[in-house]
C-alpha atoms as a PDB file:
ATOM      1  CA  MET A   1      59.460 105.283  12.437  1.00  0.00           C
ATOM      2  CA  THR A   2      55.844 104.122  12.231  1.00  0.00           C
ATOM      3  CA  GLN A   3      54.202 101.243  10.494  1.00  0.00           C
ATOM      4  CA  ALA A   4      51.349 101.936   8.069  1.00  0.00           C
ATOM      5  CA  PRO A   5      48.047 100.107   8.524  1.00  0.00           C
ATOM      6  CA  ILE A   6      47.297  97.307   6.097  1.00  0.00           C
ATOM      7  CA  PRO A   7      44.336  97.785   3.697  1.00  0.00           C
ATOM      8  CA  PRO A   8      41.742  95.002   3.408  1.00  0.00           C
ATOM      9  CA  ALA A   9      42.762  92.081   1.200  1.00  0.00           C
ATOM     10  CA  ALA A  10      40.721  91.264  -1.924  1.00  0.00           C
ATOM     11  CA  SER A  11      41.748  87.582  -1.986  1.00  0.00           C
ATOM     12  CA  GLN A  12      43.646  84.966  -0.028  1.00  0.00           C
ATOM     13  CA  HIS A  13      46.690  85.599  -2.253  1.00  0.00           C
ATOM     14  CA  ASP A  14      46.418  89.339  -1.550  1.00  0.00           C
ATOM     15  CA  ALA A  15      46.135  88.611   2.182  1.00  0.00           C
ATOM     16  CA  ALA A  16      49.274  86.456   2.143  1.00  0.00           C
ATOM     17  CA  ALA A  17      51.178  89.133   0.218  1.00  0.00           C
ATOM     18  CA  GLN A  18      49.993  91.845   2.618  1.00  0.00           C
ATOM     19  CA  ASP A  19      50.936  89.768   5.647  1.00  0.00           C
ATOM     20  CA  LEU A  20      54.411  89.065   4.290  1.00  0.00           C
ATOM     21  CA  ALA A  21      54.801  92.768   3.493  1.00  0.00           C
ATOM     22  CA  ALA A  22      53.808  93.630   7.077  1.00  0.00           C
ATOM     23  CA  VAL A  23      56.351  91.158   8.463  1.00  0.00           C
ATOM     24  CA  ARG A  24      59.059  92.505   6.146  1.00  0.00           C
ATOM     25  CA  HIS A  25      58.157  96.031   7.214  1.00  0.00           C
ATOM     26  CA  TRP A  26      58.729  95.054  10.844  1.00  0.00           C
ATOM     27  CA  PHE A  27      62.215  93.733   9.971  1.00  0.00           C
ATOM     28  CA  GLU A  28      63.009  96.881   7.944  1.00  0.00           C
ATOM     29  CA  THR A  29      61.827  99.064  10.820  1.00  0.00           C
ATOM     30  CA  LEU A  30      64.038  97.203  13.272  1.00  0.00           C
ATOM     31  CA  ALA A  31      67.045  97.558  10.941  1.00  0.00           C
ATOM     32  CA  ALA A  32      66.465 101.314  10.660  1.00  0.00           C
ATOM     33  CA  HIS A  33      66.361 101.663  14.458  1.00  0.00           C
ATOM     34  CA  VAL A  34      69.527  99.583  14.887  1.00  0.00           C
ATOM     35  CA  GLN A  35      71.368 101.630  12.245  1.00  0.00           C
ATOM     36  CA  ALA A  36      70.293 104.889  13.910  1.00  0.00           C
ATOM     37  CA  VAL A  37      71.006 103.556  17.436  1.00  0.00           C
ATOM     38  CA  ASP A  38      67.428 104.622  18.180  1.00  0.00           C
ATOM     39  CA  PHE A  39      66.435 102.748  21.324  1.00  0.00           C
ATOM     40  CA  VAL A  40      63.468 105.001  22.106  1.00  0.00           C
ATOM     41  CA  GLY A  41      61.985 104.629  18.620  1.00  0.00           C
ATOM     42  CA  ALA A  42      62.464 100.860  18.630  1.00  0.00           C
ATOM     43  CA  ARG A  43      60.423 100.371  21.783  1.00  0.00           C
ATOM     44  CA  ALA A  44      57.151 100.763  19.845  1.00  0.00           C
ATOM     45  CA  ILE A  45      57.753  97.644  17.736  1.00  0.00           C
ATOM     46  CA  PHE A  46      58.216  95.377  20.762  1.00  0.00           C
ATOM     47  CA  ALA A  47      55.623  94.209  23.285  1.00  0.00           C
ATOM     48  CA  PRO A  48      56.470  95.438  26.793  1.00  0.00           C
ATOM     49  CA  ASP A  49      56.341  91.844  28.107  1.00  0.00           C
ATOM     50  CA  MET A  50      58.368  90.313  25.256  1.00  0.00           C
ATOM     51  CA  ILE A  51      60.723  87.405  25.832  1.00  0.00           C
ATOM     52  CA  ALA A  52      64.013  87.057  23.989  1.00  0.00           C
ATOM     53  CA  PHE A  53      67.271  85.238  23.388  1.00  0.00           C
ATOM     54  CA  GLY A  54      70.286  87.104  22.076  1.00  0.00           C
ATOM     55  CA  THR A  55      73.981  86.923  21.341  1.00  0.00           C
ATOM     56  CA  VAL A  56      74.939  88.802  24.523  1.00  0.00           C
ATOM     57  CA  THR A  57      72.244  87.627  26.964  1.00  0.00           C
ATOM     58  CA  ASP A  58      70.776  84.133  27.019  1.00  0.00           C
ATOM     59  CA  PHE A  59      67.225  84.786  28.279  1.00  0.00           C
ATOM     60  CA  MET A  60      65.410  88.074  28.755  1.00  0.00           C
ATOM     61  CA  VAL A  61      61.889  88.900  29.929  1.00  0.00           C
ATOM     62  CA  GLY A  62      60.484  92.348  29.097  1.00  0.00           C
ATOM     63  CA  GLN A  63      61.415  94.967  26.524  1.00  0.00           C
ATOM     64  CA  PRO A  64      63.289  97.129  29.069  1.00  0.00           C
ATOM     65  CA  VAL A  65      65.490  94.133  29.955  1.00  0.00           C
ATOM     66  CA  ALA A  66      66.166  93.319  26.282  1.00  0.00           C
ATOM     67  CA  GLU A  67      67.089  96.948  25.663  1.00  0.00           C
ATOM     68  CA  ALA A  68      69.399  97.154  28.687  1.00  0.00           C
ATOM     69  CA  GLN A  69      71.081  93.759  28.332  1.00  0.00           C
ATOM     70  CA  GLN A  70      71.129  93.200  24.574  1.00  0.00           C
ATOM     71  CA  TRP A  71      70.413  96.264  22.428  1.00  0.00           C
ATOM     72  CA  ARG A  72      72.652  98.634  24.404  1.00  0.00           C
ATOM     73  CA  ASN A  73      75.513  96.128  24.274  1.00  0.00           C
ATOM     74  CA  VAL A  74      75.329  95.732  20.489  1.00  0.00           C
ATOM     75  CA  TRP A  75      73.780  98.618  18.544  1.00  0.00           C
ATOM     76  CA  HIS A  76      76.435 101.209  19.507  1.00  0.00           C
ATOM     77  CA  HIS A  77      79.204  98.936  18.292  1.00  0.00           C
ATOM     78  CA  ILE A  78      78.135  97.840  14.802  1.00  0.00           C
ATOM     79  CA  ASP A  79      77.459  99.426  11.417  1.00  0.00           C
ATOM     80  CA  HIS A  80      75.437  98.629   8.298  1.00  0.00           C
ATOM     81  CA  PHE A  81      72.880  96.413  10.045  1.00  0.00           C
ATOM     82  CA  ARG A  82      70.369  95.170   7.474  1.00  0.00           C
ATOM     83  CA  PHE A  83      68.256  92.134   6.736  1.00  0.00           C
ATOM     84  CA  ARG A  84      68.667  90.211   3.519  1.00  0.00           C
ATOM     85  CA  ASP A  85      65.728  90.291   1.111  1.00  0.00           C
ATOM     86  CA  ASP A  86      64.550  86.717   1.716  1.00  0.00           C
ATOM     87  CA  ILE A  87      62.459  87.306   4.849  1.00  0.00           C
ATOM     88  CA  ARG A  88      60.177  84.314   5.474  1.00  0.00           C
ATOM     89  CA  ALA A  89      56.948  84.161   7.471  1.00  0.00           C
ATOM     90  CA  ILE A  90      54.283  81.784   8.698  1.00  0.00           C
ATOM     91  CA  VAL A  91      51.041  83.616   9.487  1.00  0.00           C
ATOM     92  CA  SER A  92      48.162  82.347  11.623  1.00  0.00           C
ATOM     93  CA  PRO A  93      44.772  81.734   9.938  1.00  0.00           C
ATOM     94  CA  ASP A  94      43.297  84.825  11.642  1.00  0.00           C
ATOM     95  CA  ARG A  95      46.350  86.838  10.425  1.00  0.00           C
ATOM     96  CA  LEU A  96      46.941  88.285  13.907  1.00  0.00           C
ATOM     97  CA  GLN A  97      50.139  86.344  14.656  1.00  0.00           C
ATOM     98  CA  ALA A  98      53.168  85.575  12.531  1.00  0.00           C
ATOM     99  CA  VAL A  99      56.563  83.958  12.872  1.00  0.00           C
ATOM    100  CA  GLY A 100      59.171  85.742  10.803  1.00  0.00           C
ATOM    101  CA  MET A 101      62.699  84.619   9.992  1.00  0.00           C
ATOM    102  CA  GLY A 102      65.482  86.649   8.484  1.00  0.00           C
ATOM    103  CA  VAL A 103      69.217  86.654   7.971  1.00  0.00           C
ATOM    104  CA  PHE A 104      71.065  89.858   8.758  1.00  0.00           C
ATOM    105  CA  ASP A 105      74.395  91.346   7.859  1.00  0.00           C
ATOM    106  CA  SER A 106      76.332  93.970   9.766  1.00  0.00           C
ATOM    107  CA  THR A 107      79.860  95.187  10.258  1.00  0.00           C
ATOM    108  CA  GLY A 108      81.704  94.638  13.526  1.00  0.00           C
ATOM    109  CA  TYR A 109      85.069  96.046  14.599  1.00  0.00           C
ATOM    110  CA  GLN A 110      88.063  94.370  16.182  1.00  0.00           C
ATOM    111  CA  ALA A 111      89.995  96.098  18.976  1.00  0.00           C
ATOM    112  CA  ASP A 112      92.422  97.599  16.446  1.00  0.00           C
ATOM    113  CA  GLY A 113      89.511  99.044  14.436  1.00  0.00           C
ATOM    114  CA  THR A 114      89.662  96.451  11.665  1.00  0.00           C
ATOM    115  CA  PRO A 115      86.130  95.797  10.346  1.00  0.00           C
ATOM    116  CA  TYR A 116      84.758  92.282   9.989  1.00  0.00           C
ATOM    117  CA  ASP A 117      81.574  90.773   8.551  1.00  0.00           C
ATOM    118  CA  ARG A 118      79.014  90.061  11.257  1.00  0.00           C
ATOM    119  CA  PRO A 119      76.183  87.937   9.786  1.00  0.00           C
ATOM    120  CA  GLY A 120      73.476  86.316  11.839  1.00  0.00           C
ATOM    121  CA  ARG A 121      69.885  85.175  12.002  1.00  0.00           C
ATOM    122  CA  THR A 122      66.658  86.302  13.606  1.00  0.00           C
ATOM    123  CA  THR A 123      63.421  84.550  14.467  1.00  0.00           C
ATOM    124  CA  VAL A 124      60.592  86.714  15.731  1.00  0.00           C
ATOM    125  CA  VAL A 125      57.030  86.042  16.891  1.00  0.00           C
ATOM    126  CA  LEU A 126      54.834  88.975  15.908  1.00  0.00           C
ATOM    127  CA  VAL A 127      51.301  89.844  17.018  1.00  0.00           C
ATOM    128  CA  ARG A 128      48.776  92.539  16.249  1.00  0.00           C
ATOM    129  CA  PRO A 129      45.372  93.244  17.794  1.00  0.00           C
ATOM    130  CA  SER A 130      43.658  93.784  14.421  1.00  0.00           C
ATOM    131  CA  LEU A 131      44.476  93.504  10.721  1.00  0.00           C
ATOM    132  CA  ASP A 132      44.877  97.259  10.385  1.00  0.00           C
ATOM    133  CA  ALA A 133      47.389  97.444  13.249  1.00  0.00           C
ATOM    134  CA  PRO A 134      51.152  97.005  12.861  1.00  0.00           C
ATOM    135  CA  PHE A 135      52.886  93.896  14.166  1.00  0.00           C
ATOM    136  CA  VAL A 136      54.860  94.058  17.417  1.00  0.00           C
ATOM    137  CA  ALA A 137      57.359  91.465  18.594  1.00  0.00           C
ATOM    138  CA  GLN A 138      56.439  89.184  21.491  1.00  0.00           C
ATOM    139  CA  HIS A 139      59.545  87.037  21.118  1.00  0.00           C
ATOM    140  CA  THR A 140      62.874  87.485  19.371  1.00  0.00           C
ATOM    141  CA  HIS A 141      65.882  85.252  18.973  1.00  0.00           C
ATOM    142  CA  MET A 142      68.866  86.925  17.368  1.00  0.00           C
ATOM    143  CA  SER A 143      72.207  85.213  17.108  1.00  0.00           C
ATOM    144  CA  LEU A 144      75.375  85.407  15.080  1.00  0.00           C
ATOM    145  CA  PHE A 145      76.460  82.687  12.708  1.00  0.00           C
ATOM    146  CA  ARG A 146      79.093  80.201  13.907  1.00  0.00           C
ATOM    147  CA  ASP A 147      82.624  81.529  14.360  1.00  0.00           C
ATOM    148  CA  VAL A 148      81.612  85.209  14.148  1.00  0.00           C
ATOM    149  CA  PRO A 149      83.163  87.269  16.980  1.00  0.00           C
ATOM    150  CA  THR A 150      80.502  88.304  19.473  1.00  0.00           C
ATOM    151  CA  ARG A 151      82.168  91.553  20.578  1.00  0.00           C
ATOM    152  CA  SER A 152      82.567  94.641  18.442  1.00  0.00           C
ATOM    153  CA  VAL A 153      84.371  97.639  19.907  1.00  0.00           C
ATOM    154  CA  ARG A 154      83.213 100.652  17.906  1.00  0.00           C
ATOM    155  CA  ASN A 155      81.195 103.213  19.858  1.00  0.00           C
ATOM    156  CA  LYS A 156      78.500 105.269  18.068  1.00  0.00           C
ATOM    157  CA  PRO A 157      76.292 107.822  19.812  1.00  0.00           C
ATOM    158  CA  GLU A 158      72.691 107.024  20.653  1.00  0.00           C
ATOM    159  CA  LYS A 159      69.917 108.891  18.813  1.00  0.00           C
ATOM    160  CA  LEU A 160      68.216 111.044  21.424  1.00  0.00           C
ATOM    161  CA  PRO A 161      64.517 112.001  21.284  1.00  0.00           C
ATOM    162  CA  ALA A 162      63.830 115.385  19.694  1.00  0.00           C
END
């Protein structure tokens, strides 16, 4: 999944709307990769030297570490991962960095196969080298809401490159 470049903004209001759309697109792209268990495709929306916190691993440095310690311990085991519509963002004056926040929903599975709601929250620091480039994540913090079980036991296959 690729991100489309952003056309030039005609006004400050247009710029803010375009920036929020670009941030939302990043969240939608991540959700699509999680749903498809597409680790390879997801790599492009993360900086190689990213830093992260997650539900499974406390502190990670580098996209390969986040993939190995967090993504591969979660994505196979959940369904219906999606972000709610109220994505929020703060964008830098030069529009090259943004902080995005979103609440997600997903379905987890208990050991007996019983599904349960698995809501949580995400904060992400996004950067791009130019206004016509897509955002990539330099930092992510994803965590479940209080009292949500952290382990889900379902096992879906990974999407392999074509």
